[in-house]
PDB file of N, CA and C in Angstrom:
ATOM      1  N   MET A   1      34.042 -22.966 -11.723  1.00  0.00           N
ATOM      2  CA  MET A   1      34.256 -21.665 -11.106  1.00  0.00           C
ATOM      3  C   MET A   1      33.985 -21.794  -9.619  1.00  0.00           C
ATOM      4  N   ARG A   2      34.850 -21.250  -8.828  1.00  0.00           N
ATOM      5  CA  ARG A   2      34.687 -21.214  -7.361  1.00  0.00           C
ATOM      6  C   ARG A   2      34.263 -19.821  -6.954  1.00  0.00           C
ATOM      7  N   TYR A   3      33.657 -19.780  -5.770  1.00  0.00           N
ATOM      8  CA  TYR A   3      33.181 -18.474  -5.269  1.00  0.00           C
ATOM      9  C   TYR A   3      33.833 -18.185  -3.922  1.00  0.00           C
ATOM     10  N   ALA A   4      34.331 -16.990  -3.774  1.00  0.00           N
ATOM     11  CA  ALA A   4      34.998 -16.577  -2.552  1.00  0.00           C
ATOM     12  C   ALA A   4      33.986 -16.334  -1.447  1.00  0.00           C
ATOM     13  N   THR A   5      32.909 -15.637  -1.779  1.00  0.00           N
ATOM     14  CA  THR A   5      31.892 -15.302  -0.777  1.00  0.00           C
ATOM     15  C   THR A   5      30.525 -15.413  -1.420  1.00  0.00           C
ATOM     16  N   ALA A   6      29.570 -15.680  -0.543  1.00  0.00           N
ATOM     17  CA  ALA A   6      28.170 -15.649  -0.947  1.00  0.00           C
ATOM     18  C   ALA A   6      27.432 -14.847   0.090  1.00  0.00           C
ATOM     19  N   GLU A   7      26.685 -13.859  -0.359  1.00  0.00           N
ATOM     20  CA  GLU A   7      25.954 -12.969   0.537  1.00  0.00           C
ATOM     21  C   GLU A   7      24.508 -12.847   0.048  1.00  0.00           C
ATOM     22  N   LEU A   8      23.636 -12.544   0.987  1.00  0.00           N
ATOM     23  CA  LEU A   8      22.229 -12.298   0.659  1.00  0.00           C
ATOM     24  C   LEU A   8      22.058 -10.777   0.600  1.00  0.00           C
ATOM     25  N   GLU A   9      21.487 -10.339  -0.462  1.00  0.00           N
ATOM     26  CA  GLU A   9      21.186  -8.927  -0.646  1.00  0.00           C
ATOM     27  C   GLU A   9      19.674  -8.767  -0.500  1.00  0.00           C
ATOM     28  N   THR A  10      19.296  -7.965   0.485  1.00  0.00           N
ATOM     29  CA  THR A  10      17.864  -7.813   0.748  1.00  0.00           C
ATOM     30  C   THR A  10      17.407  -6.358   0.461  1.00  0.00           C
ATOM     31  N   ARG A  11      16.197  -6.275  -0.056  1.00  0.00           N
ATOM     32  CA  ARG A  11      15.571  -4.994  -0.280  1.00  0.00           C
ATOM     33  C   ARG A  11      14.151  -5.118   0.247  1.00  0.00           C
ATOM     34  N   GLY A  12      13.698  -4.118   0.925  1.00  0.00           N
ATOM     35  CA  GLY A  12      12.332  -4.196   1.460  1.00  0.00           C
ATOM     36  C   GLY A  12      11.516  -2.983   0.988  1.00  0.00           C
ATOM     37  N   HIS A  13      10.262  -3.217   0.809  1.00  0.00           N
ATOM     38  CA  HIS A  13       9.339  -2.106   0.524  1.00  0.00           C
ATOM     39  C   HIS A  13       7.965  -2.434   1.187  1.00  0.00           C
ATOM     40  N   SER A  14       7.194  -1.391   1.377  1.00  0.00           N
ATOM     41  CA  SER A  14       5.947  -1.556   2.115  1.00  0.00           C
ATOM     42  C   SER A  14       4.796  -1.813   1.141  1.00  0.00           C
ATOM     43  N   VAL A  15       3.987  -2.789   1.459  1.00  0.00           N
ATOM     44  CA  VAL A  15       2.725  -3.079   0.742  1.00  0.00           C
ATOM     45  C   VAL A  15       1.639  -3.012   1.792  1.00  0.00           C
ATOM     46  N   LEU A  16       0.791  -1.985   1.700  1.00  0.00           N
ATOM     47  CA  LEU A  16      -0.298  -1.798   2.656  1.00  0.00           C
ATOM     48  C   LEU A  16       0.189  -1.808   4.091  1.00  0.00           C
ATOM     49  N   GLY A  17       1.363  -1.230   4.358  1.00  0.00           N
ATOM     50  CA  GLY A  17       1.886  -1.163   5.692  1.00  0.00           C
ATOM     51  C   GLY A  17       2.651  -2.364   6.138  1.00  0.00           C
ATOM     52  N   VAL A  18       2.783  -3.328   5.299  1.00  0.00           N
ATOM     53  CA  VAL A  18       3.557  -4.564   5.667  1.00  0.00           C
ATOM     54  C   VAL A  18       4.835  -4.547   4.849  1.00  0.00           C
ATOM     55  N   VAL A  19       5.979  -4.750   5.512  1.00  0.00           N
ATOM     56  CA  VAL A  19       7.238  -4.761   4.843  1.00  0.00           C
ATOM     57  C   VAL A  19       7.407  -6.064   4.085  1.00  0.00           C
ATOM     58  N   VAL A  20       7.617  -5.973   2.773  1.00  0.00           N
ATOM     59  CA  VAL A  20       7.822  -7.140   1.884  1.00  0.00           C
ATOM     60  C   VAL A  20       9.311  -7.133   1.473  1.00  0.00           C
ATOM     61  N   GLN A  21       9.927  -8.260   1.636  1.00  0.00           N
ATOM     62  CA  GLN A  21      11.358  -8.389   1.374  1.00  0.00           C
ATOM     63  C   GLN A  21      11.621  -9.048   0.021  1.00  0.00           C
ATOM     64  N   GLU A  22      12.615  -8.545  -0.662  1.00  0.00           N
ATOM     65  CA  GLU A  22      13.150  -9.209  -1.867  1.00  0.00           C
ATOM     66  C   GLU A  22      14.568  -9.572  -1.572  1.00  0.00           C
ATOM     67  N   VAL A  23      14.968 -10.815  -1.864  1.00  0.00           N
ATOM     68  CA  VAL A  23      16.275 -11.289  -1.484  1.00  0.00           C
ATOM     69  C   VAL A  23      16.954 -11.906  -2.736  1.00  0.00           C
ATOM     70  N   ASP A  24      18.232 -11.570  -2.899  1.00  0.00           N
ATOM     71  CA  ASP A  24      19.036 -12.133  -4.010  1.00  0.00           C
ATOM     72  C   ASP A  24      20.311 -12.726  -3.385  1.00  0.00           C
ATOM     73  N   LEU A  25      20.808 -13.736  -4.056  1.00  0.00           N
ATOM     74  CA  LEU A  25      22.082 -14.317  -3.685  1.00  0.00           C
ATOM     75  C   LEU A  25      23.168 -13.670  -4.530  1.00  0.00           C
ATOM     76  N   VAL A  26      24.211 -13.092  -3.855  1.00  0.00           N
ATOM     77  CA  VAL A  26      25.281 -12.398  -4.536  1.00  0.00           C
ATOM     78  C   VAL A  26      26.537 -13.251  -4.311  1.00  0.00           C
ATOM     79  N   LEU A  27      27.127 -13.690  -5.414  1.00  0.00           N
ATOM     80  CA  LEU A  27      28.310 -14.525  -5.366  1.00  0.00           C
ATOM     81  C   LEU A  27      29.518 -13.772  -5.940  1.00  0.00           C
ATOM     82  N   GLU A  28      30.639 -13.827  -5.214  1.00  0.00           N
ATOM     83  CA  GLU A  28      31.848 -13.197  -5.730  1.00  0.00           C
ATOM     84  C   GLU A  28      32.794 -14.324  -6.149  1.00  0.00           C
ATOM     85  N   PRO A  29      33.158 -14.326  -7.436  1.00  0.00           N
ATOM     86  CA  PRO A  29      34.029 -15.398  -7.927  1.00  0.00           C
ATOM     87  C   PRO A  29      35.442 -15.344  -7.299  1.00  0.00           C
ATOM     88  N   ALA A  30      36.016 -16.482  -7.209  1.00  0.00           N
ATOM     89  CA  ALA A  30      37.416 -16.620  -6.687  1.00  0.00           C
ATOM     90  C   ALA A  30      38.208 -17.388  -7.747  1.00  0.00           C
ATOM     91  N   GLU A  31      39.514 -17.195  -7.649  1.00  0.00           N
ATOM     92  CA  GLU A  31      40.364 -17.957  -8.615  1.00  0.00           C
ATOM     93  C   GLU A  31      40.328 -19.449  -8.181  1.00  0.00           C
ATOM     94  N   ALA A  32      40.054 -20.270  -9.146  1.00  0.00           N
ATOM     95  CA  ALA A  32      39.959 -21.711  -8.891  1.00  0.00           C
ATOM     96  C   ALA A  32      41.196 -22.405  -9.431  1.00  0.00           C
ATOM     97  N   PRO A  33      41.780 -23.246  -8.589  1.00  0.00           N
ATOM     98  CA  PRO A  33      42.923 -24.035  -9.134  1.00  0.00           C
ATOM     99  C   PRO A  33      42.379 -25.041 -10.160  1.00  0.00           C
ATOM    100  N   PRO A  34      43.124 -25.291 -11.171  1.00  0.00           N
ATOM    101  CA  PRO A  34      42.645 -26.293 -12.157  1.00  0.00           C
ATOM    102  C   PRO A  34      42.555 -27.668 -11.555  1.00  0.00           C
ATOM    103  N   HIS A  35      41.470 -28.344 -11.839  1.00  0.00           N
ATOM    104  CA  HIS A  35      41.273 -29.719 -11.365  1.00  0.00           C
ATOM    105  C   HIS A  35      41.578 -30.663 -12.466  1.00  0.00           C
ATOM    106  N   ALA A  36      42.052 -31.805 -12.082  1.00  0.00           N
ATOM    107  CA  ALA A  36      42.400 -32.814 -13.100  1.00  0.00           C
ATOM    108  C   ALA A  36      41.167 -33.384 -13.753  1.00  0.00           C
ATOM    109  N   ASN A  37      40.071 -33.478 -13.009  1.00  0.00           N
ATOM    110  CA  ASN A  37      38.865 -34.117 -13.541  1.00  0.00           C
ATOM    111  C   ASN A  37      37.711 -33.148 -13.725  1.00  0.00           C
ATOM    112  N   GLN A  38      37.995 -31.966 -14.237  1.00  0.00           N
ATOM    113  CA  GLN A  38      36.893 -31.016 -14.528  1.00  0.00           C
ATOM    114  C   GLN A  38      36.178 -31.484 -15.753  1.00  0.00           C
ATOM    115  N   SER A  39      34.864 -31.611 -15.626  1.00  0.00           N
ATOM    116  CA  SER A  39      34.096 -32.039 -16.745  1.00  0.00           C
ATOM    117  C   SER A  39      32.960 -31.034 -17.015  1.00  0.00           C
ATOM    118  N   PRO A  40      32.514 -30.955 -18.231  1.00  0.00           N
ATOM    119  CA  PRO A  40      31.395 -30.023 -18.519  1.00  0.00           C
ATOM    120  C   PRO A  40      30.108 -30.440 -17.746  1.00  0.00           C
ATOM    121  N   GLU A  41      29.957 -31.714 -17.490  1.00  0.00           N
ATOM    122  CA  GLU A  41      28.784 -32.165 -16.725  1.00  0.00           C
ATOM    123  C   GLU A  41      28.843 -31.721 -15.282  1.00  0.00           C
ATOM    124  N   ALA A  42      30.041 -31.796 -14.692  1.00  0.00           N
ATOM    125  CA  ALA A  42      30.181 -31.338 -13.312  1.00  0.00           C
ATOM    126  C   ALA A  42      29.973 -29.820 -13.227  1.00  0.00           C
ATOM    127  N   GLU A  43      30.464 -29.081 -14.209  1.00  0.00           N
ATOM    128  CA  GLU A  43      30.240 -27.647 -14.259  1.00  0.00           C
ATOM    129  C   GLU A  43      28.772 -27.320 -14.390  1.00  0.00           C
ATOM    130  N   GLN A  44      28.088 -28.018 -15.285  1.00  0.00           N
ATOM    131  CA  GLN A  44      26.651 -27.860 -15.446  1.00  0.00           C
ATOM    132  C   GLN A  44      25.877 -28.195 -14.184  1.00  0.00           C
ATOM    133  N   CYS A  45      26.292 -29.253 -13.516  1.00  0.00           N
ATOM    134  CA  CYS A  45      25.646 -29.656 -12.243  1.00  0.00           C
ATOM    135  C   CYS A  45      25.811 -28.548 -11.209  1.00  0.00           C
ATOM    136  N   LYS A  46      27.023 -27.996 -11.120  1.00  0.00           N
ATOM    137  CA  LYS A  46      27.260 -26.881 -10.163  1.00  0.00           C
ATOM    138  C   LYS A  46      26.399 -25.680 -10.461  1.00  0.00           C
ATOM    139  N   LEU A  47      26.295 -25.299 -11.738  1.00  0.00           N
ATOM    140  CA  LEU A  47      25.476 -24.161 -12.127  1.00  0.00           C
ATOM    141  C   LEU A  47      24.016 -24.425 -11.792  1.00  0.00           C
ATOM    142  N   LEU A  48      23.516 -25.620 -12.036  1.00  0.00           N
ATOM    143  CA  LEU A  48      22.142 -25.919 -11.746  1.00  0.00           C
ATOM    144  C   LEU A  48      21.894 -25.897 -10.241  1.00  0.00           C
ATOM    145  N   TYR A  49      22.864 -26.388  -9.482  1.00  0.00           N
ATOM    146  CA  TYR A  49      22.748 -26.337  -8.004  1.00  0.00           C
ATOM    147  C   TYR A  49      22.666 -24.921  -7.516  1.00  0.00           C
ATOM    148  N   LEU A  50      23.472 -24.046  -8.061  1.00  0.00           N
ATOM    149  CA  LEU A  50      23.433 -22.648  -7.678  1.00  0.00           C
ATOM    150  C   LEU A  50      22.074 -22.001  -8.024  1.00  0.00           C
ATOM    151  N   GLU A  51      21.543 -22.418  -9.152  1.00  0.00           N
ATOM    152  CA  GLU A  51      20.212 -21.888  -9.545  1.00  0.00           C
ATOM    153  C   GLU A  51      19.135 -22.403  -8.585  1.00  0.00           C
ATOM    154  N   ILE A  52      19.255 -23.632  -8.132  1.00  0.00           N
ATOM    155  CA  ILE A  52      18.332 -24.148  -7.153  1.00  0.00           C
ATOM    156  C   ILE A  52      18.415 -23.416  -5.810  1.00  0.00           C
ATOM    157  N   VAL A  53      19.667 -23.082  -5.406  1.00  0.00           N
ATOM    158  CA  VAL A  53      19.886 -22.298  -4.196  1.00  0.00           C
ATOM    159  C   VAL A  53      19.214 -20.941  -4.363  1.00  0.00           C
ATOM    160  N   ARG A  54      19.455 -20.268  -5.488  1.00  0.00           N
ATOM    161  CA  ARG A  54      18.827 -18.943  -5.722  1.00  0.00           C
ATOM    162  C   ARG A  54      17.315 -19.036  -5.662  1.00  0.00           C
ATOM    163  N   LEU A  55      16.735 -20.030  -6.319  1.00  0.00           N
ATOM    164  CA  LEU A  55      15.279 -20.202  -6.313  1.00  0.00           C
ATOM    165  C   LEU A  55      14.755 -20.520  -4.883  1.00  0.00           C
ATOM    166  N   GLY A  56      15.553 -21.321  -4.127  1.00  0.00           N
ATOM    167  CA  GLY A  56      15.175 -21.584  -2.755  1.00  0.00           C
ATOM    168  C   GLY A  56      15.166 -20.355  -1.880  1.00  0.00           C
ATOM    169  N   ILE A  57      16.143 -19.508  -2.078  1.00  0.00           N
ATOM    170  CA  ILE A  57      16.203 -18.212  -1.331  1.00  0.00           C
ATOM    171  C   ILE A  57      15.030 -17.344  -1.685  1.00  0.00           C
ATOM    172  N   ALA A  58      14.703 -17.274  -3.000  1.00  0.00           N
ATOM    173  CA  ALA A  58      13.550 -16.451  -3.423  1.00  0.00           C
ATOM    174  C   ALA A  58      12.274 -17.035  -2.857  1.00  0.00           C
ATOM    175  N   LEU A  59      12.151 -18.325  -2.837  1.00  0.00           N
ATOM    176  CA  LEU A  59      10.964 -18.983  -2.298  1.00  0.00           C
ATOM    177  C   LEU A  59      10.825 -18.754  -0.805  1.00  0.00           C
ATOM    178  N   ALA A  60      11.945 -18.811  -0.085  1.00  0.00           N
ATOM    179  CA  ALA A  60      11.887 -18.555   1.356  1.00  0.00           C
ATOM    180  C   ALA A  60      11.449 -17.107   1.623  1.00  0.00           C
ATOM    181  N   ALA A  61      11.972 -16.154   0.872  1.00  0.00           N
ATOM    182  CA  ALA A  61      11.572 -14.766   1.001  1.00  0.00           C
ATOM    183  C   ALA A  61      10.057 -14.603   0.708  1.00  0.00           C
ATOM    184  N   LEU A  62       9.605 -15.238  -0.338  1.00  0.00           N
ATOM    185  CA  LEU A  62       8.186 -15.186  -0.680  1.00  0.00           C
ATOM    186  C   LEU A  62       7.312 -15.787   0.402  1.00  0.00           C
ATOM    187  N   ARG A  63       7.743 -16.885   0.966  1.00  0.00           N
ATOM    188  CA  ARG A  63       7.001 -17.499   2.048  1.00  0.00           C
ATOM    189  C   ARG A  63       6.886 -16.565   3.263  1.00  0.00           C
ATOM    190  N   GLY A  64       8.021 -15.953   3.612  1.00  0.00           N
ATOM    191  CA  GLY A  64       8.024 -14.984   4.721  1.00  0.00           C
ATOM    192  C   GLY A  64       7.095 -13.807   4.437  1.00  0.00           C
ATOM    193  N   ASN A  65       7.115 -13.332   3.207  1.00  0.00           N
ATOM    194  CA  ASN A  65       6.220 -12.233   2.845  1.00  0.00           C
ATOM    195  C   ASN A  65       4.761 -12.656   2.945  1.00  0.00           C
ATOM    196  N   LEU A  66       4.443 -13.823   2.476  1.00  0.00           N
ATOM    197  CA  LEU A  66       3.034 -14.300   2.572  1.00  0.00           C
ATOM    198  C   LEU A  66       2.611 -14.486   4.011  1.00  0.00           C
ATOM    199  N   LEU A  67       3.509 -14.995   4.873  1.00  0.00           N
ATOM    200  CA  LEU A  67       3.156 -15.150   6.257  1.00  0.00           C
ATOM    201  C   LEU A  67       2.888 -13.799   6.944  1.00  0.00           C
ATOM    202  N   ARG A  68       3.740 -12.801   6.646  1.00  0.00           N
ATOM    203  CA  ARG A  68       3.512 -11.455   7.213  1.00  0.00           C
ATOM    204  C   ARG A  68       2.232 -10.846   6.701  1.00  0.00           C
ATOM    205  N   LEU A  69       1.954 -11.017   5.418  1.00  0.00           N
ATOM    206  CA  LEU A  69       0.687 -10.476   4.872  1.00  0.00           C
ATOM    207  C   LEU A  69      -0.524 -11.199   5.454  1.00  0.00           C
ATOM    208  N   PHE A  70      -0.417 -12.514   5.688  1.00  0.00           N
ATOM    209  CA  PHE A  70      -1.499 -13.278   6.260  1.00  0.00           C
ATOM    210  C   PHE A  70      -1.766 -12.856   7.689  1.00  0.00           C
ATOM    211  N   GLU A  71      -0.690 -12.667   8.469  1.00  0.00           N
ATOM    212  CA  GLU A  71      -0.866 -12.183   9.846  1.00  0.00           C
ATOM    213  C   GLU A  71      -1.542 -10.814   9.868  1.00  0.00           C
ATOM    214  N   GLU A  72      -1.125  -9.915   8.960  1.00  0.00           N
ATOM    215  CA  GLU A  72      -1.787  -8.603   8.919  1.00  0.00           C
ATOM    216  C   GLU A  72      -3.240  -8.750   8.501  1.00  0.00           C
ATOM    217  N   TYR A  73      -3.520  -9.633   7.581  1.00  0.00           N
ATOM    218  CA  TYR A  73      -4.896  -9.865   7.162  1.00  0.00           C
ATOM    219  C   TYR A  73      -5.754 -10.333   8.330  1.00  0.00           C
ATOM    220  N   GLN A  74      -5.240 -11.305   9.127  1.00  0.00           N
ATOM    221  CA  GLN A  74      -5.971 -11.805  10.271  1.00  0.00           C
ATOM    222  C   GLN A  74      -6.200 -10.696  11.317  1.00  0.00           C
ATOM    223  N   LEU A  75      -5.189  -9.861  11.576  1.00  0.00           N
ATOM    224  CA  LEU A  75      -5.348  -8.740  12.507  1.00  0.00           C
ATOM    225  C   LEU A  75      -6.418  -7.767  11.973  1.00  0.00           C
ATOM    226  N   THR A  76      -6.379  -7.431  10.720  1.00  0.00           N
ATOM    227  CA  THR A  76      -7.369  -6.535  10.147  1.00  0.00           C
ATOM    228  C   THR A  76      -8.761  -7.152  10.209  1.00  0.00           C
ATOM    229  N   SER A  77      -8.817  -8.429   9.956  1.00  0.00           N
ATOM    230  CA  SER A  77     -10.124  -9.151  10.008  1.00  0.00           C
ATOM    231  C   SER A  77     -10.695  -9.071  11.428  1.00  0.00           C
ATOM    232  N   ARG A  78      -9.837  -9.299  12.445  1.00  0.00           N
ATOM    233  CA  ARG A  78     -10.319  -9.207  13.838  1.00  0.00           C
ATOM    234  C   ARG A  78     -10.774  -7.784  14.172  1.00  0.00           C
ATOM    235  N   ARG A  79     -10.076  -6.823  13.674  1.00  0.00           N
ATOM    236  CA  ARG A  79     -10.466  -5.433  13.929  1.00  0.00           C
ATOM    237  C   ARG A  79     -11.823  -5.120  13.283  1.00  0.00           C
ATOM    238  N   ALA A  80     -11.995  -5.621  12.068  1.00  0.00           N
ATOM    239  CA  ALA A  80     -13.265  -5.375  11.361  1.00  0.00           C
ATOM    240  C   ALA A  80     -14.404  -6.063  12.105  1.00  0.00           C
ATOM    241  N   ARG A  81     -14.204  -7.262  12.591  1.00  0.00           N
ATOM    242  CA  ARG A  81     -15.254  -7.968  13.359  1.00  0.00           C
ATOM    243  C   ARG A  81     -15.523  -7.229  14.642  1.00  0.00           C
ATOM    244  N   ALA A  82     -14.497  -6.695  15.308  1.00  0.00           N
ATOM    245  CA  ALA A  82     -14.724  -5.924  16.526  1.00  0.00           C
ATOM    246  C   ALA A  82     -15.541  -4.682  16.234  1.00  0.00           C
ATOM    247  N   LEU A  83     -15.275  -4.018  15.136  1.00  0.00           N
ATOM    248  CA  LEU A  83     -16.049  -2.870  14.740  1.00  0.00           C
ATOM    249  C   LEU A  83     -17.497  -3.254  14.498  1.00  0.00           C
ATOM    250  N   GLU A  84     -17.663  -4.326  13.786  1.00  0.00           N
ATOM    251  CA  GLU A  84     -18.996  -4.792  13.371  1.00  0.00           C
ATOM    252  C   GLU A  84     -19.774  -5.306  14.582  1.00  0.00           C
ATOM    253  N   ASP A  85     -19.155  -6.046  15.457  1.00  0.00           N
ATOM    254  CA  ASP A  85     -19.874  -6.707  16.558  1.00  0.00           C
ATOM    255  C   ASP A  85     -19.962  -5.895  17.827  1.00  0.00           C
ATOM    256  N   VAL A  86     -19.028  -4.964  18.052  1.00  0.00           N
ATOM    257  CA  VAL A  86     -19.011  -4.238  19.303  1.00  0.00           C
ATOM    258  C   VAL A  86     -19.252  -2.727  19.114  1.00  0.00           C
ATOM    259  N   LEU A  87     -18.400  -2.082  18.373  1.00  0.00           N
ATOM    260  CA  LEU A  87     -18.468  -0.636  18.288  1.00  0.00           C
ATOM    261  C   LEU A  87     -19.721  -0.125  17.537  1.00  0.00           C
ATOM    262  N   LEU A  88     -20.058  -0.757  16.413  1.00  0.00           N
ATOM    263  CA  LEU A  88     -21.186  -0.262  15.665  1.00  0.00           C
ATOM    264  C   LEU A  88     -22.510  -0.428  16.435  1.00  0.00           C
ATOM    265  N   PRO A  89     -22.741  -1.573  17.113  1.00  0.00           N
ATOM    266  CA  PRO A  89     -24.001  -1.690  17.942  1.00  0.00           C
ATOM    267  C   PRO A  89     -23.992  -0.589  19.054  1.00  0.00           C
ATOM    268  N   GLU A  90     -22.838  -0.352  19.679  1.00  0.00           N
ATOM    269  CA  GLU A  90     -22.784   0.678  20.711  1.00  0.00           C
ATOM    270  C   GLU A  90     -23.128   2.037  20.147  1.00  0.00           C
ATOM    271  N   MET A  91     -22.618   2.339  18.980  1.00  0.00           N
ATOM    272  CA  MET A  91     -22.908   3.614  18.351  1.00  0.00           C
ATOM    273  C   MET A  91     -24.385   3.727  17.975  1.00  0.00           C
ATOM    274  N   ASP A  92     -24.960   2.609  17.515  1.00  0.00           N
ATOM    275  CA  ASP A  92     -26.388   2.606  17.193  1.00  0.00           C
ATOM    276  C   ASP A  92     -27.220   2.873  18.413  1.00  0.00           C
ATOM    277  N   ARG A  93     -26.883   2.255  19.559  1.00  0.00           N
ATOM    278  CA  ARG A  93     -27.577   2.512  20.823  1.00  0.00           C
ATOM    279  C   ARG A  93     -27.438   3.961  21.232  1.00  0.00           C
ATOM    280  N   THR A  94     -26.251   4.497  21.154  1.00  0.00           N
ATOM    281  CA  THR A  94     -26.014   5.890  21.535  1.00  0.00           C
ATOM    282  C   THR A  94     -26.803   6.828  20.654  1.00  0.00           C
ATOM    283  N   LEU A  95     -26.811   6.556  19.328  1.00  0.00           N
ATOM    284  CA  LEU A  95     -27.615   7.396  18.433  1.00  0.00           C
ATOM    285  C   LEU A  95     -29.120   7.330  18.756  1.00  0.00           C
ATOM    286  N   ALA A  96     -29.564   6.110  19.062  1.00  0.00           N
ATOM    287  CA  ALA A  96     -31.009   5.977  19.408  1.00  0.00           C
ATOM    288  C   ALA A  96     -31.316   6.772  20.666  1.00  0.00           C
ATOM    289  N   GLU A  97     -30.426   6.713  21.665  1.00  0.00           N
ATOM    290  CA  GLU A  97     -30.652   7.486  22.921  1.00  0.00           C
ATOM    291  C   GLU A  97     -30.614   8.971  22.642  1.00  0.00           C
ATOM    292  N   LEU A  98     -29.724   9.411  21.775  1.00  0.00           N
ATOM    293  CA  LEU A  98     -29.664  10.848  21.440  1.00  0.00           C
ATOM    294  C   LEU A  98     -30.919  11.248  20.698  1.00  0.00           C
ATOM    295  N   ASN A  99     -31.395  10.424  19.804  1.00  0.00           N
ATOM    296  CA  ASN A  99     -32.623  10.772  19.089  1.00  0.00           C
ATOM    297  C   ASN A  99     -33.832  10.819  20.023  1.00  0.00           C
ATOM    298  N   ASP A 100     -33.901   9.906  20.980  1.00  0.00           N
ATOM    299  CA  ASP A 100     -34.983   9.927  21.982  1.00  0.00           C
ATOM    300  C   ASP A 100     -34.906  11.226  22.805  1.00  0.00           C
ATOM    301  N   SER A 101     -33.701  11.570  23.203  1.00  0.00           N
ATOM    302  CA  SER A 101     -33.499  12.787  24.031  1.00  0.00           C
ATOM    303  C   SER A 101     -33.940  14.015  23.203  1.00  0.00           C
ATOM    304  N   LEU A 102     -33.560  14.085  21.952  1.00  0.00           N
ATOM    305  CA  LEU A 102     -33.906  15.209  21.124  1.00  0.00           C
ATOM    306  C   LEU A 102     -35.449  15.294  20.899  1.00  0.00           C
ATOM    307  N   GLU A 103     -36.066  14.157  20.705  1.00  0.00           N
ATOM    308  CA  GLU A 103     -37.508  14.145  20.518  1.00  0.00           C
ATOM    309  C   GLU A 103     -38.186  14.648  21.808  1.00  0.00           C
ATOM    310  N   GLU A 104     -37.679  14.155  22.956  1.00  0.00           N
ATOM    311  CA  GLU A 104     -38.237  14.619  24.251  1.00  0.00           C
ATOM    312  C   GLU A 104     -38.095  16.123  24.389  1.00  0.00           C
ATOM    313  N   LEU A 105     -36.923  16.624  24.086  1.00  0.00           N
ATOM    314  CA  LEU A 105     -36.686  18.084  24.136  1.00  0.00           C
ATOM    315  C   LEU A 105     -37.615  18.850  23.215  1.00  0.00           C
ATOM    316  N   ASP A 106     -37.874  18.310  22.021  1.00  0.00           N
ATOM    317  CA  ASP A 106     -38.824  18.959  21.096  1.00  0.00           C
ATOM    318  C   ASP A 106     -40.231  18.953  21.649  1.00  0.00           C
ATOM    319  N   ARG A 107     -40.624  17.851  22.246  1.00  0.00           N
ATOM    320  CA  ARG A 107     -41.960  17.793  22.864  1.00  0.00           C
ATOM    321  C   ARG A 107     -42.109  18.803  23.990  1.00  0.00           C
ATOM    322  N   GLU A 108     -41.065  18.860  24.857  1.00  0.00           N
ATOM    323  CA  GLU A 108     -41.083  19.821  25.970  1.00  0.00           C
ATOM    324  C   GLU A 108     -41.136  21.232  25.419  1.00  0.00           C
ATOM    325  N   GLU A 109     -40.357  21.540  24.391  1.00  0.00           N
ATOM    326  CA  GLU A 109     -40.347  22.885  23.818  1.00  0.00           C
ATOM    327  C   GLU A 109     -41.702  23.244  23.193  1.00  0.00           C
ATOM    328  N   SER A 110     -42.306  22.291  22.514  1.00  0.00           N
ATOM    329  CA  SER A 110     -43.609  22.568  21.901  1.00  0.00           C
ATOM    330  C   SER A 110     -44.688  22.756  22.961  1.00  0.00           C
ATOM    331  N   THR A 111     -44.566  21.987  24.083  1.00  0.00           N
ATOM    332  CA  THR A 111     -45.509  22.174  25.184  1.00  0.00           C
ATOM    333  C   THR A 111     -45.302  23.554  25.827  1.00  0.00           C
ATOM    334  N   ARG A 112     -44.112  24.003  25.991  1.00  0.00           N
ATOM    335  CA  ARG A 112     -43.796  25.281  26.567  1.00  0.00           C
ATOM    336  C   ARG A 112     -44.323  26.405  25.672  1.00  0.00           C
ATOM    337  N   VAL A 113     -44.134  26.283  24.388  1.00  0.00           N
ATOM    338  CA  VAL A 113     -44.561  27.300  23.486  1.00  0.00           C
ATOM    339  C   VAL A 113     -46.090  27.360  23.445  1.00  0.00           C
ATOM    340  N   ARG A 114     -46.763  26.232  23.509  1.00  0.00           N
ATOM    341  CA  ARG A 114     -48.228  26.196  23.486  1.00  0.00           C
ATOM    342  C   ARG A 114     -48.867  26.828  24.713  1.00  0.00           C
ATOM    343  N   PHE A 115     -48.292  26.583  25.870  1.00  0.00           N
ATOM    344  CA  PHE A 115     -48.864  27.057  27.095  1.00  0.00           C
ATOM    345  C   PHE A 115     -48.239  28.373  27.603  1.00  0.00           C
ATOM    346  N   ARG A 116     -47.439  28.949  26.800  1.00  0.00           N
ATOM    347  CA  ARG A 116     -46.807  30.239  27.176  1.00  0.00           C
ATOM    348  C   ARG A 116     -47.824  31.339  27.065  1.00  0.00           C
ATOM    349  N   ARG A 117     -47.876  32.158  28.047  1.00  0.00           N
ATOM    350  CA  ARG A 117     -48.855  33.235  28.080  1.00  0.00           C
ATOM    351  C   ARG A 117     -48.256  34.466  27.393  1.00  0.00           C
ATOM    352  N   PRO A 118     -49.029  35.141  26.613  1.00  0.00           N
ATOM    353  CA  PRO A 118     -48.530  36.357  25.956  1.00  0.00           C
ATOM    354  C   PRO A 118     -48.324  37.509  26.878  1.00  0.00           C
TER     355      PRO A 118
END
């Protein structure tokens, strides 16, 4: 069997914000002229070759998906480290300063109330 055209059919969907592709090989059969030496072995070899091509396409799509997911993982990991190493310590310092300021205000208020004349 001969094929007139071969096209890749792609479908994409999102997994955790990363587009994951699914790819299939679509073959349109064409009329084949009869060959003098057509053998069942040659036909079987052709079918196996097409299956290898289909599997190779699926494997390439899977590899691309894994690379995109890995890049997103690395980006998320960097963001998490930035939060842990930079933003959280800054917030802890700010909270400590606010707590100190509030304690100071409470002390001043208690002093004012104690020494306030009736």
